N, C-alpha and C. Protein backbone atom coordinates (compact mmCIF):
# COMPACT_ATOMS: atom_id res chain seq x y z
N UNK A 1 0.83 -1.12 -0.01
CA UNK A 1 -0.03 0.02 0.07
C UNK A 1 0.83 1.24 0.04
N UNK A 2 0.48 2.14 -0.73
CA UNK A 2 1.20 3.33 -0.78
C UNK A 2 0.37 4.42 -0.02
N UNK A 3 1.03 5.12 0.82
CA UNK A 3 0.37 6.31 1.58
C UNK A 3 1.19 7.55 1.27
N UNK A 4 0.68 8.57 0.57
CA UNK A 4 1.29 9.82 0.28
C UNK A 4 0.96 10.67 1.27
N UNK A 5 2.01 11.63 1.66
CA UNK A 5 1.75 12.48 2.72
C UNK A 5 2.24 13.94 2.12
N UNK A 6 1.50 14.98 2.57
CA UNK A 6 1.95 16.36 2.23
C UNK A 6 1.60 17.17 3.34
N UNK A 7 2.27 18.30 3.46
CA UNK A 7 1.87 19.39 4.44
C UNK A 7 1.08 20.36 3.78
N UNK A 8 -0.01 20.87 4.40
CA UNK A 8 -0.78 22.03 3.99
C UNK A 8 -0.76 22.92 5.25
N UNK A 9 0.07 23.90 5.09
CA UNK A 9 0.35 24.79 6.42
C UNK A 9 1.01 23.99 7.39
N UNK A 10 0.56 23.93 8.46
CA UNK A 10 1.10 23.06 9.62
C UNK A 10 0.49 21.73 9.71
N UNK A 11 -0.49 21.46 8.90
CA UNK A 11 -1.22 20.22 8.96
C UNK A 11 -0.68 19.15 8.01
N UNK A 12 -0.58 17.90 8.45
CA UNK A 12 -0.12 16.77 7.58
C UNK A 12 -1.43 16.07 6.99
N UNK A 13 -1.51 15.96 5.66
CA UNK A 13 -2.61 15.31 4.98
C UNK A 13 -1.97 14.03 4.55
N UNK A 14 -2.61 12.84 4.98
CA UNK A 14 -2.12 11.61 4.70
C UNK A 14 -3.20 10.92 3.58
N UNK A 15 -2.69 10.42 2.59
CA UNK A 15 -3.51 9.97 1.49
C UNK A 15 -3.21 8.47 1.13
N UNK A 16 -4.01 7.46 1.74
CA UNK A 16 -3.84 6.10 1.39
C UNK A 16 -4.30 5.95 -0.12
N UNK A 17 -3.65 4.96 -0.81
CA UNK A 17 -4.09 4.67 -2.07
C UNK A 17 -4.29 3.29 -2.25
N UNK A 18 -5.61 2.90 -2.77
CA UNK A 18 -5.94 1.51 -2.91
C UNK A 18 -6.94 1.11 -1.82
N UNK A 19 -7.52 -0.08 -2.00
CA UNK A 19 -8.36 -0.59 -1.06
C UNK A 19 -7.70 -0.78 0.42
N UNK A 20 -8.34 -0.33 1.47
CA UNK A 20 -7.88 -0.62 2.85
C UNK A 20 -8.43 -1.91 3.21
N UNK A 21 -7.72 -3.10 2.95
CA UNK A 21 -8.13 -4.42 3.33
C UNK A 21 -6.93 -5.19 3.57
N UNK A 22 -7.09 -6.27 4.47
CA UNK A 22 -5.97 -7.16 4.77
C UNK A 22 -4.80 -6.44 5.30
N UNK A 23 -3.56 -6.79 4.60
CA UNK A 23 -2.38 -6.43 4.91
C UNK A 23 -2.19 -4.89 4.84
N UNK A 24 -2.94 -4.25 3.81
CA UNK A 24 -2.82 -2.81 3.59
C UNK A 24 -3.60 -2.05 4.75
N UNK A 25 -4.50 -2.59 5.34
CA UNK A 25 -5.15 -2.13 6.52
C UNK A 25 -4.29 -2.11 7.67
N UNK A 26 -3.50 -3.19 7.68
CA UNK A 26 -2.26 -3.11 8.79
C UNK A 26 -1.25 -2.11 8.60
N UNK A 27 -0.91 -1.88 7.43
CA UNK A 27 0.18 -0.74 7.07
C UNK A 27 -0.50 0.56 7.47
N UNK A 28 -1.76 0.79 7.09
CA UNK A 28 -2.41 1.93 7.41
C UNK A 28 -2.53 2.22 8.98
N UNK A 29 -2.78 1.09 9.67
CA UNK A 29 -2.83 1.08 11.14
C UNK A 29 -1.49 1.46 11.72
N UNK A 30 -0.42 0.94 11.19
CA UNK A 30 0.92 1.24 11.79
C UNK A 30 1.24 2.69 11.49
N UNK A 31 0.94 3.27 10.38
CA UNK A 31 1.14 4.70 10.04
C UNK A 31 0.29 5.55 11.01
N UNK A 32 -0.97 5.27 11.29
CA UNK A 32 -1.75 6.03 12.12
C UNK A 32 -1.18 6.05 13.60
N UNK A 33 -0.84 4.79 14.03
CA UNK A 33 -0.33 4.60 15.54
C UNK A 33 0.92 5.54 15.52
N UNK A 34 1.72 5.61 14.62
CA UNK A 34 2.96 6.46 14.76
C UNK A 34 2.52 7.77 14.74
N UNK A 35 1.59 8.14 13.93
CA UNK A 35 1.25 9.66 13.93
C UNK A 35 0.48 10.03 15.28
N UNK A 36 -0.23 9.11 15.89
CA UNK A 36 -1.00 9.37 17.09
C UNK A 36 -0.01 9.41 18.37
N UNK A 37 1.23 8.85 18.24
CA UNK A 37 2.15 8.88 19.26
C UNK A 37 2.79 10.25 19.35
N UNK A 38 2.74 11.13 18.45
CA UNK A 38 3.28 12.43 18.43
C UNK A 38 2.41 13.29 19.41
N UNK A 39 3.15 14.26 20.10
CA UNK A 39 2.34 15.20 20.72
C UNK A 39 1.55 16.09 19.91
N UNK A 40 0.35 16.33 20.29
CA UNK A 40 -0.66 17.21 19.62
C UNK A 40 -0.76 16.79 18.03
N UNK A 41 -1.23 15.59 17.78
CA UNK A 41 -1.18 15.15 16.35
C UNK A 41 -2.24 16.02 15.64
N UNK A 42 -1.78 16.69 14.62
CA UNK A 42 -2.60 17.50 13.66
C UNK A 42 -2.51 17.00 12.36
N UNK A 43 -3.48 16.17 11.79
CA UNK A 43 -3.43 15.53 10.57
C UNK A 43 -4.90 15.35 10.08
N UNK A 44 -5.04 15.23 8.80
CA UNK A 44 -6.31 14.71 8.20
C UNK A 44 -6.00 13.49 7.26
N UNK A 45 -7.05 12.68 7.04
CA UNK A 45 -6.90 11.56 6.18
C UNK A 45 -7.70 11.69 5.01
N UNK A 46 -7.16 11.74 3.79
CA UNK A 46 -7.82 11.94 2.51
C UNK A 46 -8.08 10.58 1.95
N UNK A 47 -9.35 10.35 1.68
CA UNK A 47 -9.70 8.91 1.24
C UNK A 47 -10.20 8.86 -0.16
N UNK A 48 -9.88 9.82 -0.92
CA UNK A 48 -10.48 9.92 -2.47
C UNK A 48 -9.79 8.71 -3.20
N UNK A 49 -8.78 8.21 -2.84
CA UNK A 49 -8.20 7.06 -3.64
C UNK A 49 -8.29 5.68 -3.05
N UNK A 50 -9.25 5.64 -2.04
CA UNK A 50 -9.57 4.35 -1.40
C UNK A 50 -11.01 3.93 -1.79
N UNK A 51 -11.00 3.04 -2.84
CA UNK A 51 -12.29 2.70 -3.33
C UNK A 51 -13.33 1.91 -2.28
N UNK A 52 -12.70 1.07 -1.39
CA UNK A 52 -13.39 0.61 -0.26
C UNK A 52 -12.54 0.14 0.91
N UNK A 53 -13.17 -0.24 2.00
CA UNK A 53 -12.36 -0.58 3.17
C UNK A 53 -13.15 -1.84 3.85
N UNK A 54 -12.36 -2.53 4.49
CA UNK A 54 -13.03 -3.79 5.23
C UNK A 54 -13.11 -3.41 6.79
N UNK A 55 -13.55 -4.33 7.52
CA UNK A 55 -13.63 -4.13 8.96
C UNK A 55 -12.56 -3.80 9.70
N UNK A 56 -11.29 -4.34 9.28
CA UNK A 56 -10.14 -3.93 9.83
C UNK A 56 -9.80 -2.54 9.63
N UNK A 57 -10.00 -2.01 8.52
CA UNK A 57 -9.74 -0.60 8.40
C UNK A 57 -10.81 0.27 9.22
N UNK A 58 -12.00 -0.05 9.34
CA UNK A 58 -13.01 0.60 10.16
C UNK A 58 -12.47 0.51 11.63
N UNK A 59 -12.01 -0.60 12.02
CA UNK A 59 -11.54 -0.61 13.48
C UNK A 59 -10.39 0.20 13.59
N UNK A 60 -9.42 0.35 12.66
CA UNK A 60 -8.27 1.20 12.71
C UNK A 60 -8.78 2.62 12.86
N UNK A 61 -9.65 3.09 12.02
CA UNK A 61 -10.16 4.46 12.10
C UNK A 61 -10.85 4.75 13.39
N UNK A 62 -11.60 3.75 13.93
CA UNK A 62 -12.32 3.99 15.25
C UNK A 62 -11.36 4.08 16.28
N UNK A 63 -10.25 3.22 16.37
CA UNK A 63 -9.18 3.22 17.28
C UNK A 63 -8.53 4.64 17.24
N UNK A 64 -8.32 5.17 16.06
CA UNK A 64 -7.56 6.48 15.93
C UNK A 64 -8.44 7.61 16.46
N UNK A 65 -9.84 7.49 16.13
CA UNK A 65 -10.83 8.45 16.55
C UNK A 65 -10.86 8.43 18.08
N UNK A 66 -10.91 7.20 18.73
CA UNK A 66 -10.83 7.15 20.23
C UNK A 66 -9.53 7.79 20.83
N UNK A 67 -8.48 7.46 20.26
CA UNK A 67 -7.11 8.09 20.78
C UNK A 67 -7.16 9.66 20.52
N UNK A 68 -7.66 10.21 19.48
CA UNK A 68 -7.80 11.61 19.31
C UNK A 68 -8.84 12.20 20.25
N UNK A 69 -9.75 11.57 20.48
CA UNK A 69 -10.86 12.07 21.55
C UNK A 69 -10.27 12.12 22.95
N UNK A 70 -9.27 11.26 23.28
CA UNK A 70 -8.68 11.37 24.51
C UNK A 70 -7.67 12.70 24.56
N UNK A 71 -7.29 13.24 23.43
CA UNK A 71 -6.73 14.42 23.49
C UNK A 71 -7.49 15.61 22.98
N UNK A 72 -8.85 15.50 23.19
CA UNK A 72 -9.83 16.57 22.88
C UNK A 72 -9.71 16.99 21.42
N UNK A 73 -9.49 16.02 20.59
CA UNK A 73 -9.55 16.22 19.11
C UNK A 73 -10.56 15.27 18.49
N UNK A 74 -10.83 15.49 17.19
CA UNK A 74 -11.60 14.62 16.48
C UNK A 74 -10.85 14.20 15.21
N UNK A 75 -11.00 12.90 14.79
CA UNK A 75 -10.29 12.47 13.53
C UNK A 75 -10.96 13.14 12.37
N UNK A 76 -10.26 13.64 11.42
CA UNK A 76 -10.89 14.29 10.18
C UNK A 76 -10.58 13.54 8.98
N UNK A 77 -11.70 13.15 8.29
CA UNK A 77 -11.66 12.54 7.05
C UNK A 77 -12.01 13.43 5.91
N UNK A 78 -11.39 13.29 4.79
CA UNK A 78 -11.58 14.11 3.60
C UNK A 78 -11.88 13.36 2.41
N UNK A 79 -12.72 13.87 1.64
CA UNK A 79 -12.93 13.25 0.25
C UNK A 79 -13.15 11.87 0.12
N UNK A 80 -14.18 11.42 0.98
CA UNK A 80 -14.40 9.93 1.00
C UNK A 80 -14.92 9.62 -0.39
N UNK A 81 -14.62 8.41 -0.89
CA UNK A 81 -15.22 7.88 -2.12
C UNK A 81 -16.59 7.42 -1.76
N UNK A 82 -17.48 7.39 -2.79
CA UNK A 82 -18.96 7.18 -2.49
C UNK A 82 -19.05 5.85 -1.75
N UNK A 83 -18.33 4.84 -1.98
CA UNK A 83 -18.33 3.54 -1.36
C UNK A 83 -18.02 3.63 0.12
N UNK A 84 -16.88 4.36 0.39
CA UNK A 84 -16.43 4.43 1.81
C UNK A 84 -17.43 5.34 2.57
N UNK A 85 -18.00 6.25 2.13
CA UNK A 85 -19.07 7.09 2.63
C UNK A 85 -20.19 6.22 2.94
N UNK A 86 -20.74 5.37 2.03
CA UNK A 86 -21.76 4.55 2.25
C UNK A 86 -21.44 3.45 3.33
N UNK A 87 -20.26 2.93 3.37
CA UNK A 87 -19.88 2.02 4.44
C UNK A 87 -20.01 2.75 5.75
N UNK A 88 -19.51 3.85 5.93
CA UNK A 88 -19.65 4.58 7.17
C UNK A 88 -21.13 4.85 7.64
N UNK A 89 -21.83 5.22 6.64
CA UNK A 89 -23.25 5.46 6.84
C UNK A 89 -24.04 4.22 7.29
N UNK A 90 -23.79 3.09 6.45
CA UNK A 90 -24.45 1.93 6.79
C UNK A 90 -24.14 1.25 8.07
N UNK A 91 -22.92 1.43 8.51
CA UNK A 91 -22.49 0.85 9.80
C UNK A 91 -22.76 1.95 10.98
N UNK A 92 -23.38 3.11 10.71
CA UNK A 92 -23.67 3.99 11.75
C UNK A 92 -22.41 4.67 12.27
N UNK A 93 -21.23 4.51 11.75
CA UNK A 93 -20.07 5.34 12.18
C UNK A 93 -19.75 6.64 11.57
N UNK A 94 -20.47 7.23 10.78
CA UNK A 94 -20.19 8.45 10.13
C UNK A 94 -20.10 9.53 11.24
N UNK A 95 -20.90 9.49 12.23
CA UNK A 95 -20.92 10.54 13.25
C UNK A 95 -19.64 10.41 14.18
N UNK A 96 -18.89 9.37 14.06
CA UNK A 96 -17.60 9.38 14.83
C UNK A 96 -16.48 10.18 14.30
N UNK A 97 -16.62 10.68 13.12
CA UNK A 97 -15.55 11.44 12.56
C UNK A 97 -16.06 12.80 12.06
N UNK A 98 -15.19 13.74 11.78
CA UNK A 98 -15.48 14.98 11.14
C UNK A 98 -15.19 14.57 9.76
N UNK A 99 -16.18 14.84 8.78
CA UNK A 99 -16.03 14.61 7.39
C UNK A 99 -16.01 15.81 6.63
N UNK A 100 -15.21 16.16 5.74
CA UNK A 100 -15.05 17.30 4.88
C UNK A 100 -14.95 16.89 3.47
N UNK A 101 -15.45 17.71 2.57
CA UNK A 101 -15.37 17.60 1.20
C UNK A 101 -14.01 17.76 0.67
N UNK A 102 -13.30 18.81 1.22
CA UNK A 102 -12.02 19.06 0.60
C UNK A 102 -11.03 19.35 1.65
N UNK A 103 -9.74 19.15 1.33
CA UNK A 103 -8.63 19.35 2.29
C UNK A 103 -8.57 20.80 2.95
N UNK A 104 -8.83 21.72 2.17
CA UNK A 104 -8.76 23.20 2.63
C UNK A 104 -9.74 23.37 3.80
N UNK A 105 -10.97 22.81 3.61
CA UNK A 105 -11.86 22.94 4.69
C UNK A 105 -11.53 22.19 6.04
N UNK A 106 -10.96 20.98 5.83
CA UNK A 106 -10.39 20.22 6.81
C UNK A 106 -9.32 20.99 7.67
N UNK A 107 -8.34 21.50 6.83
CA UNK A 107 -7.21 22.35 7.42
C UNK A 107 -7.68 23.48 8.13
N UNK A 108 -8.68 24.29 7.63
CA UNK A 108 -9.26 25.32 8.30
C UNK A 108 -9.90 25.12 9.57
N UNK A 109 -10.40 23.83 9.71
CA UNK A 109 -11.15 23.52 10.99
C UNK A 109 -10.18 23.41 12.19
N UNK A 110 -8.88 23.41 11.94
CA UNK A 110 -7.97 23.31 12.99
C UNK A 110 -7.72 24.86 13.64
N UNK A 111 -8.25 25.85 12.89
CA UNK A 111 -8.08 27.33 13.41
C UNK A 111 -9.09 27.66 14.31
């Protein structure tokens, strides 16, 4: 799995590419765990290149959301593919994350 990262101002934007399933979900989990260990993690996850995700990826996102909630923050997701958006809605998990249509809006939400 390829995960591109870029800085937008002082915020890191992480962009996984490809389906978040099986081993790729584990790679994604490792990356998020590393990011969450930093003091005051300020990042967003852009999912426009993730066509779908499995339960392991959902669990990873929920674990990250819980960790961020402990730091009085909320996990921010950007540009969900239609299938990923539907997965979050069908599982009733969409309310656990802040979801934005574009990176700029997500980055502005930190201000």
